Amino acid sequence: MARSVNKVTLIGNLGKDPELRYAPSGSAVASFSLATSEQWKDHEGNPQERTSWHNIVAWGKLAEIAAEYLKKGKKVYIEGRLQYRDYEGKDGNKRYVTEIVVSDLVMLGSRQDAGGNEKEDTGPGPAPAVSEEKDDLPF
């Protein structure tokens, strides 16, 4: 059986607060940038780092949750699919966009406790998780 897979998994930090807007259909859509970094040592042993920026899009309830709880600099786990689209810019030129459409989102890193003090999350434990997927399992 020939199948295809379009799945992206990222852990990174938000580059800006999510921007929430509503499509003509009334669906919420949030967009934000996510930075991921890789580190290595070059052939001379000097530490190197490269940061990649990703355009992230969330729809529906995920968009509303992202807009409410995510802020610039926060660490987040994103799972989704890669999407390519094009549009015509205001100058009449065709523009191309590559983005990740979110299906799962887990907030990582520090968060506010009830007293307003920062606590460091030491793992995936009880961090809020949200999924756009429906449970279609027959059991």
Protein backbone atom coordinates (compact mmCIF):
# COMPACT_ATOMS: atom_id res chain seq x y z
CA MET A 1 0.00 0.00 0.00
CA ALA A 2 1.48 3.34 -1.06
CA ARG A 3 0.91 6.11 1.50
CA SER A 4 2.36 9.52 1.92
CA VAL A 5 3.22 11.43 5.07
CA ASN A 6 3.29 15.18 5.62
CA LYS A 7 4.23 15.66 9.27
CA VAL A 8 6.37 18.31 10.95
CA THR A 9 7.49 18.28 14.60
CA LEU A 10 9.15 21.36 16.08
CA ILE A 11 10.22 22.56 19.51
CA GLY A 12 11.20 26.20 19.60
CA ASN A 13 10.54 29.69 20.89
CA LEU A 14 7.94 32.13 19.63
CA GLY A 15 9.41 35.03 17.71
CA LYS A 16 6.33 37.20 18.24
CA ASP A 17 2.95 37.09 19.96
CA PRO A 18 0.36 35.19 17.91
CA GLU A 19 -1.79 37.38 15.69
CA LEU A 20 -5.46 36.32 15.89
CA ARG A 21 -7.92 37.15 13.12
CA TYR A 22 -11.07 35.64 11.71
CA ALA A 23 -11.63 34.23 8.23
CA PRO A 24 -14.73 35.30 6.28
CA SER A 25 -16.27 31.96 7.32
CA GLY A 26 -15.92 33.01 10.97
CA SER A 27 -13.12 30.54 11.78
CA ALA A 28 -10.36 31.83 14.05
CA VAL A 29 -6.85 31.78 12.60
CA ALA A 30 -3.65 32.61 14.49
CA SER A 31 -0.24 33.08 12.94
CA PHE A 32 3.17 33.47 14.55
CA SER A 33 6.82 32.73 13.94
CA LEU A 34 8.79 30.00 15.70
CA ALA A 35 12.59 29.86 16.01
CA THR A 36 14.46 26.57 16.17
CA SER A 37 18.22 26.39 16.66
CA GLU A 38 20.88 23.80 15.99
CA GLN A 39 24.32 23.84 17.54
CA TRP A 40 27.52 22.07 16.51
CA LYS A 41 31.28 22.46 16.54
CA ASP A 42 33.11 23.27 13.33
CA HIS A 43 36.21 21.43 12.13
CA GLU A 44 38.34 23.65 14.40
CA GLY A 45 36.22 22.87 17.47
CA ASN A 46 34.56 26.30 17.62
CA PRO A 47 30.89 26.30 18.69
CA GLN A 48 28.47 27.27 15.91
CA GLU A 49 24.75 27.94 15.95
CA ARG A 50 22.13 28.39 13.25
CA THR A 51 18.57 29.57 13.86
CA SER A 52 15.73 28.73 11.46
CA TRP A 53 12.46 30.65 11.44
CA HIS A 54 9.15 28.92 10.70
CA ASN A 55 5.76 30.43 9.85
CA ILE A 56 3.10 28.77 12.01
CA VAL A 57 -0.67 28.83 11.43
CA ALA A 58 -3.34 27.48 13.80
CA TRP A 59 -7.07 27.30 13.07
CA GLY A 60 -10.23 27.13 15.19
CA LYS A 61 -9.93 26.44 18.91
CA LEU A 62 -6.15 25.95 18.58
CA ALA A 63 -5.89 29.48 17.19
CA GLU A 64 -7.85 30.95 20.10
CA ILE A 65 -5.78 29.03 22.67
CA ALA A 66 -2.52 30.05 21.01
CA ALA A 67 -3.56 33.71 20.98
CA GLU A 68 -4.58 33.61 24.63
CA TYR A 69 -1.68 31.68 26.17
CA LEU A 70 1.36 31.97 23.91
CA LYS A 71 3.66 34.97 24.11
CA LYS A 72 6.89 36.03 22.40
CA GLY A 73 9.85 34.00 23.72
CA LYS A 74 7.77 31.12 25.14
CA LYS A 75 8.87 27.57 24.34
CA VAL A 76 6.31 25.40 22.53
CA TYR A 77 6.05 21.95 20.93
CA ILE A 78 4.28 22.07 17.58
CA GLU A 79 3.10 19.18 15.45
CA GLY A 80 1.47 19.76 12.11
CA ARG A 81 1.77 19.56 8.35
CA LEU A 82 3.82 21.50 5.84
CA GLN A 83 1.79 23.69 3.49
CA TYR A 84 2.84 25.76 0.49
CA ARG A 85 0.67 28.51 -0.95
CA ASP A 86 0.99 31.52 -3.18
CA TYR A 87 -0.80 34.83 -3.48
CA GLU A 88 -0.53 38.08 -5.40
CA GLY A 89 1.10 40.92 -3.43
CA LYS A 90 -0.11 44.51 -3.44
CA ASP A 91 2.58 45.26 -6.02
CA GLY A 92 1.09 42.65 -8.38
CA ASN A 93 3.97 40.18 -7.95
CA LYS A 94 3.34 36.56 -7.03
CA ARG A 95 4.48 35.66 -3.49
CA TYR A 96 5.16 32.20 -2.10
CA VAL A 97 4.69 31.11 1.52
CA THR A 98 5.77 27.96 3.34
CA GLU A 99 4.03 27.37 6.66
CA ILE A 100 3.29 24.72 9.26
CA VAL A 101 -0.42 24.17 9.92
CA VAL A 102 -0.76 23.11 13.57
CA SER A 103 -2.55 19.91 14.59
CA ASP A 104 -1.04 19.56 18.12
CA LEU A 105 0.41 22.15 20.46
CA VAL A 106 2.05 21.74 23.88
CA MET A 107 3.21 24.70 25.92
CA LEU A 108 6.66 24.07 27.44
CA GLY A 109 9.11 25.99 29.61
CA SER A 110 8.17 28.32 32.44
CA ARG A 111 4.62 29.21 33.37
CA GLN A 112 2.86 31.20 36.07
CA ASP A 113 1.81 29.33 39.21
CA ALA A 114 -1.19 30.43 41.27
CA GLY A 115 0.93 32.91 43.28
CA GLY A 116 2.31 34.64 40.19
CA ASN A 117 5.84 33.21 40.56
CA GLU A 118 7.61 31.59 37.62
CA LYS A 119 8.13 27.83 37.89
CA GLU A 120 10.26 25.87 35.48
CA ASP A 121 8.53 22.95 33.79
CA THR A 122 10.98 20.06 33.96
CA GLY A 123 9.33 17.95 31.31
CA PRO A 124 6.24 17.32 29.25
CA GLY A 125 4.31 16.34 32.44
CA PRO A 126 1.21 18.43 33.07
CA ALA A 127 1.88 21.19 30.53
CA PRO A 128 -1.34 22.01 28.66
CA ALA A 129 -1.73 20.06 25.43
CA VAL A 130 -4.23 20.74 22.70
CA SER A 131 -5.03 18.68 19.64
CA GLU A 132 -7.07 19.48 16.56
CA GLU A 133 -7.40 15.78 15.69
CA LYS A 134 -10.57 13.82 16.36
CA ASP A 135 -10.50 10.40 18.01
CA ASP A 136 -11.58 8.11 15.16
CA LEU A 137 -10.45 4.89 16.84
CA PRO A 138 -13.08 2.13 16.66
CA PHE A 139 -12.38 0.93 20.23
